[in-house]
Structure formats: C-alpha cells, structure tokens
Amino acid sequence: MHAVRAMTSALARLCWFCAAQAMTGLLAVLLLVSLLYATTSLYVFAVSQPFVGPGWYNPYGDLPAAGRWQKANFHAHSIAWGGLTNGGQSAQDVVSAYAGMRYDIVGVSNYHSLSASEVTGTFPVYEQGWNVQKSHRLAIGGDKVVWRDYPLGQTAHQQQDIINRIRATGAVVALAHPAIRDGHSLADLRRLSGYDALEVLNHFVAPATAQWDAALSAGRAVWVLANDDSHDIHGAGETGVNWTLVHTPSSAAADVRLAIRAGRTIGVRGQRGQAHLQFLSQHITGDTLEVRVRGPVGRVTISGQDGVARNTVITDSAGIIIARAIARSDDGYLRTTVQGDSTSEGELLLLNPVVRWDGQALGAALATVDTSRTSALRWIAFCLYGAAFTSIRARQPRRVPRARPILT
C-alpha cells in the first residue's frame, strides 16, 4: 500500500511538472507572438480613389518585339518541411508534370522556402504566410525569404508591413487566394498598396474578380495572375487548370518581374494545360476599348468601375471575335473577361485592364510609416511588458534567510 501511494504521489508530481513546463512553453510562445504585434509598424495609407488622367495605359499596347507569350504557373507545392505542408510529391515530380504540359515557367512555391527552385533549377518563388487567416503572399523572382508574419490575424497595417518587407527583397508581390477565409478583405484591398498582382484564379476557390475590381476601383494598379495552387499533381482538377501567360523575352527572373509589373499577363483557365481561346489584341482609341480574340467564344464581358458590365458590342469577322465598349466618364478602368462556349470545358481568359493615367505615375502612392503612432504603440507595449514583469516579480514569494547559529 505504501508503494502504491508513493507511486501515485510520484505520478502526480510528474503531471504537475509537465503541466508547469507546458504552461511555461505556452507563455513563452504567447510572449513571442505578442512581441511580433507590438513591434509592427502603423501606416498612413494612400487615398483610395479611381484612376484619373487624360490618357489610358494599355499593358498590351506596346508589347516588346523580342518577347513572346510564355505559359507560367507560380503556385504549386511539393513535399516540404517533413510533409507538414501537404505537398504530395517531390519537387522534381512537380516540375516534370508541368514540363509534360509544355509550361515555359514553373515555380514550386513551398511555404517560406526557396529550396525547391535551388534543387530543380526552376523559377524562384515561395508562398509567404503562416497565419490562421490565410493572408498569404507569393514572392515571385526574389532570392530571400521573409520569415516574419502575424499568426493570429492581420489588420491592414500588418498586411502592409509584410508587403513592404517582400518588396524590399526585390520580389514581385502577389496576394494569393484573397477570397479564402477572407485573407485579404475587400476593404484591405482598397487600402493596401505596393502589391503588384492578385491571384484571381486558384483551383481552390471561385474567381476573385470582386476582389480584383475592389482594388482596381480604388486606383491600385494590380495585375492578374492565374495559378493552380496544386498540392497533388494526381488530384482531379488541381494541376494544369489555371495558368498565367506572361509576355517576356525570357524566363529569367528579372524579365519576368518586369513583365508582371508592367501588366503583360493574362489569366487563363483550361484543362490539362491546354486552352483553345486565344487572345489577339487590345486597343483603346479615345474612350473606346476594342478587344480581339479567337476560338470557341461563348461570351465577352467588358467591365468598368466597381466591376459593372458596360454595354459591349460583339462582331464576328472571319472567325475573329471583336468586342467594343465605351468607357463612361467615371470609369477609371475597363477590363475584359472572355468565357468559352459549352464545348470548351469552362475555358476563361482574364485580360488586364486599360486604366486612366497621366503618363507618369500609375496607380496609388505607396503607404508610408506613421512614425508618431508607431512610436506610441511601442512605448505602450514597453510599459505593459514592464508592468507585467514587475507584477510577476512582486508575486514571487521572498526567501527568508536562514538564521545563523550564534557562536559563544
């Protein structure tokens, strides 16, 4: 009986010790997370207003003669981080699958890792973000990883901070799957600046055209990307269903970055890496936009401010579909969606918009750090940490020194 009581007592002490260790670890994690938020920067955001100017910027209007349309996927996952990130195959297997579908540019965008591109020699890209809100970014064409994030949720200030950190590495910043878990809300997209592209097509979710229109209507020059976000190359409907056409002279990172930032991209939805819809041209004369496409066209929609469809006149000239629409005075942009007919298995083309501009600055200015509010936030955090530390020290029992024997 004595042995049982001793064993029970020892087990209880072990449980209390483990609980204390777990609590200590949890408090340490919470402290580190709180430090991330306490040391963030607060921003003055650029004004949200429509594009303005006497002229129009047409990203397809003056395509470089040395370039060609190259098929790209910037968002796919392989086995990484010991399998924790849900990639189904090796990086080499992923690259081989896309090579078999004749992709020109293949990116394996594992979370916070460029190792896949280093191993396979493919395009450098990674997915940034380890937060419950799914506020993720694709860092395209850079050579450094931004590890910092805000895991428990993000306001526009934290999102802007991450955008700025990725921009500082030289990478293109594309907001990934903005509609998943409201990772980037419509309000966020109207406030944020400095991001270059939006992943409008992603196989996990419906086209994020409402999010794209929110950004464009707020005067953000944000261009289309379409990606698979494949986690399993053998999964139905995951691979070879969305891709980006990039007009660039080469697949070198510098050329691709330049092309994306200039808006020389087209979002495509197809099957097995193939689509029959073909973009031919986009021109704007005065306030009249004209788009020409070829293939099994079912519908062409030209949308203006706030994503509202404009009256579009469609003609067929020897198999070439010509769509025309006139911008209203309050339209800051016009963008075109081409949907395939019933024989095309849901094919889709998303063209980048023409936007009003003054011939110099395109889109909103960058958000700037609000130094006074940022300093105030950090002083408040410092005081709170100091008060908490003092309170903890005050609650600790004081040790009473042992009485020393009096020698006689």
Protein backbone atom coordinates (compact mmCIF):
# COMPACT_ATOMS: atom_id res chain seq x y z
CA MET A 1 0.00 0.00 0.00
CA HIS A 2 2.84 2.33 0.83
CA ALA A 3 4.41 1.59 -2.56
CA VAL A 4 1.13 2.42 -4.35
CA ARG A 5 0.83 5.74 -2.51
CA ALA A 6 4.46 6.56 -3.33
CA MET A 7 3.91 5.74 -6.99
CA THR A 8 0.70 7.82 -7.10
CA SER A 9 2.48 10.72 -5.46
CA ALA A 10 5.37 10.49 -7.92
CA LEU A 11 2.96 10.36 -10.87
CA ALA A 12 1.09 13.40 -9.57
CA ARG A 13 4.36 15.32 -9.20
CA LEU A 14 5.31 14.34 -12.75
CA CYS A 15 1.94 15.53 -14.07
CA TRP A 16 2.29 18.84 -12.25
CA PHE A 17 5.83 19.21 -13.58
CA CYS A 18 4.71 18.50 -17.17
CA ALA A 19 1.79 20.90 -16.82
CA ALA A 20 4.09 23.59 -15.46
CA GLN A 21 6.52 23.04 -18.34
CA ALA A 22 3.70 23.16 -20.89
CA MET A 23 2.34 26.35 -19.34
CA THR A 24 5.80 27.89 -19.38
CA GLY A 25 6.20 26.96 -23.05
CA LEU A 26 2.76 28.36 -23.91
CA LEU A 27 3.50 31.61 -22.12
CA ALA A 28 6.82 31.86 -23.98
CA VAL A 29 5.06 31.38 -27.33
CA LEU A 30 2.41 33.95 -26.44
CA LEU A 31 5.14 36.37 -25.42
CA LEU A 32 6.94 35.93 -28.74
CA VAL A 33 3.69 36.33 -30.71
CA SER A 34 2.74 39.45 -28.76
CA LEU A 35 6.19 40.89 -29.48
CA LEU A 36 5.53 40.49 -33.21
CA TYR A 37 2.38 42.58 -32.95
CA ALA A 38 3.92 45.08 -30.52
CA THR A 39 6.78 45.81 -32.90
CA THR A 40 4.74 46.18 -36.08
CA SER A 41 4.64 49.47 -37.94
CA LEU A 42 1.49 51.55 -38.37
CA TYR A 43 0.89 53.14 -41.75
CA VAL A 44 -0.63 56.13 -43.46
CA PHE A 45 -2.43 54.56 -46.40
CA ALA A 46 -2.67 56.05 -49.86
CA VAL A 47 -6.03 57.59 -50.73
CA SER A 48 -8.48 55.18 -52.33
CA GLN A 49 -9.79 56.81 -55.49
CA PRO A 50 -10.36 55.81 -59.12
CA PHE A 51 -7.63 56.05 -61.71
CA VAL A 52 -7.58 59.50 -63.26
CA GLY A 53 -5.75 61.17 -66.12
CA PRO A 54 -6.20 62.39 -69.66
CA GLY A 55 -4.85 59.21 -71.26
CA TRP A 56 -5.07 55.45 -70.96
CA TYR A 57 -2.40 52.92 -70.01
CA ASN A 58 -2.78 49.75 -72.05
CA PRO A 59 -0.49 46.95 -70.81
CA TYR A 60 -0.81 45.15 -74.15
CA GLY A 61 -0.50 48.24 -76.31
CA ASP A 62 3.22 48.18 -76.99
CA LEU A 63 4.46 44.65 -76.42
CA PRO A 64 8.24 44.26 -76.84
CA ALA A 65 9.10 42.73 -80.21
CA ALA A 66 11.68 40.46 -78.56
CA GLY A 67 9.10 38.89 -76.26
CA ARG A 68 6.54 36.12 -76.59
CA TRP A 69 3.70 34.75 -74.51
CA GLN A 70 5.10 32.16 -72.10
CA LYS A 71 2.94 29.79 -70.05
CA ALA A 72 3.65 30.00 -66.33
CA ASN A 73 2.49 28.57 -63.03
CA PHE A 74 3.82 30.31 -59.93
CA HIS A 75 1.89 28.40 -57.26
CA ALA A 76 2.36 24.67 -56.63
CA HIS A 77 3.57 22.68 -53.64
CA SER A 78 5.86 19.70 -53.20
CA ILE A 79 6.83 17.68 -50.13
CA ALA A 80 8.50 20.11 -47.74
CA TRP A 81 9.07 20.68 -44.04
CA GLY A 82 8.79 16.96 -43.30
CA GLY A 83 5.42 16.70 -45.02
CA LEU A 84 3.72 19.25 -42.75
CA THR A 85 2.64 21.49 -45.63
CA ASN A 86 0.56 18.93 -47.52
CA GLY A 87 2.60 18.63 -50.69
CA GLY A 88 2.05 15.25 -52.32
CA GLN A 89 5.14 14.72 -54.48
CA SER A 90 8.79 15.68 -54.76
CA ALA A 91 9.75 18.99 -56.33
CA GLN A 92 11.23 17.16 -59.31
CA ASP A 93 7.97 15.25 -59.86
CA VAL A 94 6.02 18.52 -59.81
CA VAL A 95 8.39 20.11 -62.30
CA SER A 96 8.19 17.06 -64.57
CA ALA A 97 4.38 17.18 -64.55
CA TYR A 98 4.36 20.79 -65.74
CA ALA A 99 7.11 20.17 -68.26
CA GLY A 100 4.92 17.41 -69.70
CA MET A 101 2.21 20.02 -70.28
CA ARG A 102 4.74 22.27 -72.02
CA TYR A 103 4.93 25.04 -69.45
CA ASP A 104 7.70 27.56 -70.03
CA ILE A 105 7.95 28.84 -66.44
CA VAL A 106 7.43 26.54 -63.46
CA GLY A 107 7.54 27.67 -59.85
CA VAL A 108 7.33 25.34 -56.84
CA SER A 109 6.12 27.72 -54.16
CA ASN A 110 6.66 25.90 -50.88
CA TYR A 111 5.96 27.88 -47.72
CA HIS A 112 8.87 30.10 -46.73
CA SER A 113 11.31 28.06 -48.78
CA LEU A 114 13.26 28.59 -51.99
CA SER A 115 14.87 25.16 -51.74
CA ALA A 116 12.68 23.64 -54.47
CA SER A 117 13.95 26.11 -57.06
CA GLU A 118 17.50 25.60 -55.83
CA VAL A 119 17.20 21.82 -56.23
CA THR A 120 15.38 21.78 -59.57
CA GLY A 121 16.78 24.95 -61.13
CA THR A 122 13.26 26.24 -61.74
CA PHE A 123 11.79 29.69 -61.25
CA PRO A 124 12.37 31.15 -57.75
CA VAL A 125 9.13 31.66 -55.84
CA TYR A 126 7.75 30.87 -52.39
CA GLU A 127 4.48 31.31 -50.53
CA GLN A 128 4.76 33.66 -47.57
CA GLY A 129 2.43 33.44 -44.58
CA TRP A 130 1.93 31.21 -41.55
CA ASN A 131 -1.25 32.67 -40.09
CA VAL A 132 -4.72 31.32 -39.32
CA GLN A 133 -6.33 33.99 -41.51
CA LYS A 134 -4.75 32.65 -44.73
CA SER A 135 -3.28 36.07 -45.54
CA HIS A 136 -0.70 34.64 -47.91
CA ARG A 137 1.55 36.23 -50.49
CA LEU A 138 3.57 34.87 -53.41
CA ALA A 139 7.08 36.30 -53.53
CA ILE A 140 8.00 35.92 -57.20
CA GLY A 141 11.50 36.17 -58.57
CA GLY A 142 13.31 37.09 -55.35
CA ASP A 143 16.24 35.43 -53.62
CA LYS A 144 15.46 36.00 -49.93
CA VAL A 145 12.71 34.67 -47.66
CA VAL A 146 10.71 36.95 -45.37
CA TRP A 147 10.08 34.86 -42.26
CA ARG A 148 8.16 37.35 -40.20
CA ASP A 149 4.39 37.06 -40.04
CA TYR A 150 1.46 37.80 -37.73
CA PRO A 151 -0.09 34.41 -36.97
CA LEU A 152 -3.28 35.28 -35.07
CA GLY A 153 -4.89 37.58 -37.63
CA GLN A 154 -3.87 40.67 -39.52
CA THR A 155 -5.14 44.18 -39.91
CA ALA A 156 -4.24 46.20 -42.99
CA HIS A 157 -1.23 47.53 -41.04
CA GLN A 158 0.29 44.07 -40.58
CA GLN A 159 -0.52 43.14 -44.18
CA GLN A 160 1.15 46.31 -45.45
CA ASP A 161 4.19 45.58 -43.29
CA ILE A 162 4.65 42.16 -44.91
CA ILE A 163 4.12 43.58 -48.41
CA ASN A 164 6.82 46.17 -47.77
CA ARG A 165 9.23 43.55 -46.42
CA ILE A 166 8.79 41.36 -49.52
CA ARG A 167 9.17 44.37 -51.84
CA ALA A 168 12.46 45.15 -50.12
CA THR A 169 13.85 41.80 -51.33
CA GLY A 170 13.15 42.76 -54.95
CA ALA A 171 10.45 40.13 -55.47
CA VAL A 172 7.12 40.73 -57.15
CA VAL A 173 4.38 40.73 -54.50
CA ALA A 174 1.22 38.85 -55.45
CA LEU A 175 -1.61 38.38 -52.96
CA ALA A 176 -2.56 34.70 -53.04
CA HIS A 177 -6.15 33.34 -52.98
CA PRO A 178 -7.57 36.54 -51.39
CA ALA A 179 -11.08 35.09 -51.04
CA ILE A 180 -10.06 32.11 -48.88
CA ARG A 181 -11.01 32.84 -45.24
CA ASP A 182 -11.22 36.50 -46.25
CA GLY A 183 -7.42 36.53 -46.10
CA HIS A 184 -7.47 39.91 -47.82
CA SER A 185 -10.86 41.56 -47.49
CA LEU A 186 -12.35 43.99 -49.99
CA ALA A 187 -11.60 46.82 -47.56
CA ASP A 188 -7.99 45.64 -47.22
CA LEU A 189 -7.51 45.52 -50.98
CA ARG A 190 -8.76 49.10 -51.30
CA ARG A 191 -6.35 50.35 -48.61
CA LEU A 192 -3.18 48.38 -49.28
CA SER A 193 -0.60 49.46 -51.83
CA GLY A 194 2.71 48.20 -53.13
CA TYR A 195 1.43 44.80 -54.23
CA ASP A 196 1.90 44.08 -57.91
CA ALA A 197 -0.58 41.33 -58.70
CA LEU A 198 -3.58 39.41 -57.46
CA GLU A 199 -4.12 35.67 -57.80
CA VAL A 200 -7.56 35.93 -59.37
CA LEU A 201 -7.70 32.29 -60.46
CA ASN A 202 -6.89 29.49 -57.99
CA HIS A 203 -8.35 26.00 -58.19
CA PHE A 204 -9.49 26.04 -54.55
CA VAL A 205 -11.95 28.91 -54.95
CA ALA A 206 -14.15 30.77 -57.44
CA PRO A 207 -12.51 33.56 -59.47
CA ALA A 208 -11.64 36.51 -57.21
CA THR A 209 -12.98 39.09 -59.65
CA ALA A 210 -14.85 41.00 -56.92
CA GLN A 211 -11.57 41.39 -55.03
CA TRP A 212 -9.78 42.45 -58.21
CA ASP A 213 -12.43 45.04 -59.03
CA ALA A 214 -12.25 46.41 -55.48
CA ALA A 215 -8.52 47.02 -55.87
CA LEU A 216 -8.82 48.48 -59.37
CA SER A 217 -11.72 50.74 -58.40
CA ALA A 218 -9.55 52.15 -55.59
CA GLY A 219 -6.84 53.08 -58.08
CA ARG A 220 -4.50 50.17 -57.36
CA ALA A 221 -2.57 49.09 -60.48
CA VAL A 222 -2.82 45.38 -59.74
CA TRP A 223 -2.43 42.81 -62.49
CA VAL A 224 -3.90 39.35 -62.96
CA LEU A 225 -2.24 36.07 -62.04
CA ALA A 226 -3.77 32.62 -62.50
CA ASN A 227 -2.26 29.60 -60.74
CA ASP A 228 -3.15 26.04 -59.86
CA ASP A 229 -2.07 26.08 -56.20
CA SER A 230 -1.60 22.36 -56.72
CA HIS A 231 -0.79 20.20 -53.69
CA ASP A 232 -1.18 16.87 -55.51
CA ILE A 233 -0.32 16.59 -59.20
CA HIS A 234 -2.54 13.49 -59.43
CA GLY A 235 -5.57 15.14 -57.80
CA ALA A 236 -8.53 15.81 -60.07
CA GLY A 237 -8.80 19.43 -61.15
CA GLU A 238 -5.62 20.55 -59.36
CA THR A 239 -2.92 20.69 -62.00
CA GLY A 240 -2.91 22.32 -65.41
CA VAL A 241 -6.23 24.11 -64.87
CA ASN A 242 -5.12 27.71 -64.27
CA TRP A 243 -2.04 29.43 -65.67
CA THR A 244 -0.62 32.84 -66.42
CA LEU A 245 0.55 33.91 -69.84
CA VAL A 246 3.49 36.27 -69.40
CA HIS A 247 4.81 38.28 -72.35
CA THR A 248 8.56 38.27 -71.77
CA PRO A 249 11.74 37.78 -73.81
CA SER A 250 12.96 35.06 -71.45
CA SER A 251 12.13 33.10 -68.31
CA ALA A 252 14.86 34.87 -66.34
CA ALA A 253 13.63 36.27 -63.02
CA ALA A 254 14.45 39.87 -63.94
CA ASP A 255 12.50 39.69 -67.22
CA VAL A 256 9.50 38.01 -65.60
CA ARG A 257 9.41 40.55 -62.75
CA LEU A 258 9.46 43.41 -65.26
CA ALA A 259 6.68 41.86 -67.35
CA ILE A 260 4.38 41.26 -64.38
CA ARG A 261 4.87 44.77 -63.02
CA ALA A 262 4.08 46.21 -66.47
CA GLY A 263 0.84 44.21 -66.64
CA ARG A 264 1.91 41.96 -69.50
CA THR A 265 -0.01 38.96 -68.12
CA ILE A 266 -3.21 37.09 -68.99
CA GLY A 267 -5.11 34.77 -66.66
CA VAL A 268 -6.21 31.52 -68.30
CA ARG A 269 -8.45 28.66 -67.20
CA GLY A 270 -8.29 25.47 -69.25
CA GLN A 271 -7.78 21.74 -68.93
CA ARG A 272 -4.57 19.73 -68.79
CA GLY A 273 -2.54 22.81 -69.63
CA GLN A 274 -4.43 23.47 -72.86
CA ALA A 275 -6.94 26.14 -73.90
CA HIS A 276 -8.45 26.94 -77.28
CA LEU A 277 -9.35 30.56 -76.55
CA GLN A 278 -6.68 32.83 -77.98
CA PHE A 279 -6.01 36.50 -77.24
CA LEU A 280 -5.13 38.56 -80.31
CA SER A 281 -5.09 42.25 -79.37
CA GLN A 282 -6.38 45.00 -77.11
CA HIS A 283 -6.51 48.64 -78.24
CA ILE A 284 -8.13 51.79 -76.95
CA THR A 285 -8.94 54.77 -79.15
CA GLY A 286 -10.33 57.78 -77.35
CA ASP A 287 -12.57 56.12 -74.77
CA THR A 288 -13.45 53.10 -76.92
CA LEU A 289 -11.87 49.77 -75.99
CA GLU A 290 -11.54 47.10 -78.67
CA VAL A 291 -10.52 43.51 -77.89
CA ARG A 292 -9.95 40.75 -80.43
CA VAL A 293 -9.93 37.05 -79.60
CA ARG A 294 -10.26 33.74 -81.43
CA GLY A 295 -11.63 30.32 -80.54
CA PRO A 296 -14.79 28.83 -79.01
CA VAL A 297 -16.04 32.11 -77.53
CA GLY A 298 -19.31 31.97 -75.63
CA ARG A 299 -19.38 35.41 -74.05
CA VAL A 300 -17.27 38.56 -73.80
CA THR A 301 -17.84 40.99 -70.93
CA ILE A 302 -16.18 44.38 -70.58
CA SER A 303 -16.45 45.76 -67.04
CA GLY A 304 -15.79 49.24 -65.69
CA GLN A 305 -15.70 50.97 -62.32
CA ASP A 306 -16.75 48.70 -59.43
CA GLY A 307 -16.93 45.76 -61.83
CA VAL A 308 -20.13 46.94 -63.51
CA ALA A 309 -20.56 45.48 -67.00
CA ARG A 310 -20.61 48.03 -69.80
CA ASN A 311 -22.63 47.79 -72.99
CA THR A 312 -20.47 45.61 -75.23
CA VAL A 313 -20.90 45.27 -78.98
CA ILE A 314 -19.74 41.92 -80.37
CA THR A 315 -18.98 41.20 -84.02
CA ASP A 316 -17.53 38.18 -85.80
CA SER A 317 -15.08 38.86 -88.62
CA ALA A 318 -13.95 35.67 -90.35
CA GLY A 319 -13.71 33.78 -87.05
CA ILE A 320 -12.18 36.67 -85.12
CA ILE A 321 -14.42 37.91 -82.32
CA ILE A 322 -14.27 41.69 -81.88
CA ALA A 323 -15.68 43.25 -78.69
CA ARG A 324 -16.06 47.01 -78.22
CA ALA A 325 -17.22 49.14 -75.30
CA ILE A 326 -17.08 52.84 -74.49
CA ALA A 327 -15.82 53.97 -71.09
CA ARG A 328 -18.05 56.24 -69.04
CA SER A 329 -16.59 59.38 -67.56
CA ASP A 330 -16.48 57.76 -64.10
CA ASP A 331 -14.71 54.61 -65.32
CA GLY A 332 -11.16 54.52 -64.03
CA TYR A 333 -10.56 51.29 -65.92
CA LEU A 334 -12.06 48.80 -68.36
CA ARG A 335 -11.23 45.09 -68.20
CA THR A 336 -12.33 42.16 -70.34
CA THR A 337 -13.47 38.64 -69.48
CA VAL A 338 -13.74 36.04 -72.25
CA GLN A 339 -15.71 32.88 -71.49
CA GLY A 340 -15.64 29.80 -73.67
CA ASP A 341 -18.77 28.23 -75.10
CA SER A 342 -20.35 24.97 -73.96
CA THR A 343 -17.76 22.90 -75.85
CA SER A 344 -14.75 24.49 -74.14
CA GLU A 345 -14.92 22.80 -70.69
CA GLY A 346 -15.15 26.11 -68.83
CA GLU A 347 -12.30 27.93 -70.54
CA LEU A 348 -11.71 31.51 -69.45
CA LEU A 349 -9.46 34.43 -70.34
CA LEU A 350 -8.99 37.32 -67.91
CA LEU A 351 -7.32 40.29 -69.56
CA ASN A 352 -5.61 43.07 -67.68
CA PRO A 353 -7.44 46.40 -67.77
CA VAL A 354 -6.72 49.62 -69.53
CA VAL A 355 -6.52 52.30 -66.82
CA ARG A 356 -6.61 56.06 -66.89
CA TRP A 357 -3.31 57.80 -66.16
CA ASP A 358 -1.34 61.00 -66.61
CA GLY A 359 1.55 59.38 -68.47
CA GLN A 360 3.81 59.43 -65.39
CA ALA A 361 2.51 57.86 -62.17
CA LEU A 362 0.41 54.72 -62.48
CA GLY A 363 -1.85 53.94 -59.55
CA ALA A 364 -1.73 54.87 -55.89
CA ALA A 365 1.30 56.07 -53.98
CA LEU A 366 2.93 53.69 -51.51
CA ALA A 367 1.76 53.65 -47.91
CA THR A 368 4.20 55.34 -45.53
CA VAL A 369 5.05 54.54 -41.93
CA ASP A 370 3.24 56.73 -39.39
CA THR A 371 6.26 57.29 -37.15
CA SER A 372 4.41 59.02 -34.30
CA ARG A 373 1.73 56.35 -33.95
CA THR A 374 4.28 53.56 -34.39
CA SER A 375 6.47 55.04 -31.63
CA ALA A 376 3.44 55.44 -29.37
CA LEU A 377 2.45 51.80 -29.93
CA ARG A 378 5.91 50.58 -28.99
CA TRP A 379 6.11 52.78 -25.88
CA ILE A 380 2.73 51.49 -24.73
CA ALA A 381 3.86 47.91 -25.34
CA PHE A 382 7.10 48.57 -23.43
CA CYS A 383 5.15 49.94 -20.46
CA LEU A 384 2.75 46.99 -20.47
CA TYR A 385 5.60 44.47 -20.59
CA GLY A 386 7.34 46.34 -17.78
CA ALA A 387 4.20 46.38 -15.65
CA ALA A 388 3.61 42.67 -16.24
CA PHE A 389 7.21 41.80 -15.35
CA THR A 390 7.03 43.91 -12.18
CA SER A 391 3.73 42.28 -11.18
CA ILE A 392 5.16 38.79 -11.66
CA ARG A 393 8.23 39.62 -9.61
CA ALA A 394 6.07 41.08 -6.84
CA ARG A 395 4.00 37.89 -6.62
CA GLN A 396 7.02 35.63 -6.18
CA PRO A 397 7.49 34.55 -2.53
CA ARG A 398 10.50 36.07 -0.91
CA ARG A 399 13.03 33.71 0.57
CA VAL A 400 13.62 34.22 4.27
CA PRO A 401 17.34 33.83 5.04
CA ARG A 402 18.19 31.06 7.42
CA ALA A 403 19.17 32.14 10.91
CA ARG A 404 22.83 31.65 11.56
CA PRO A 405 23.80 29.98 14.82
CA ILE A 406 25.27 32.29 17.43
CA LEU A 407 28.73 31.21 18.38
CA THR A 408 29.70 31.60 22.02
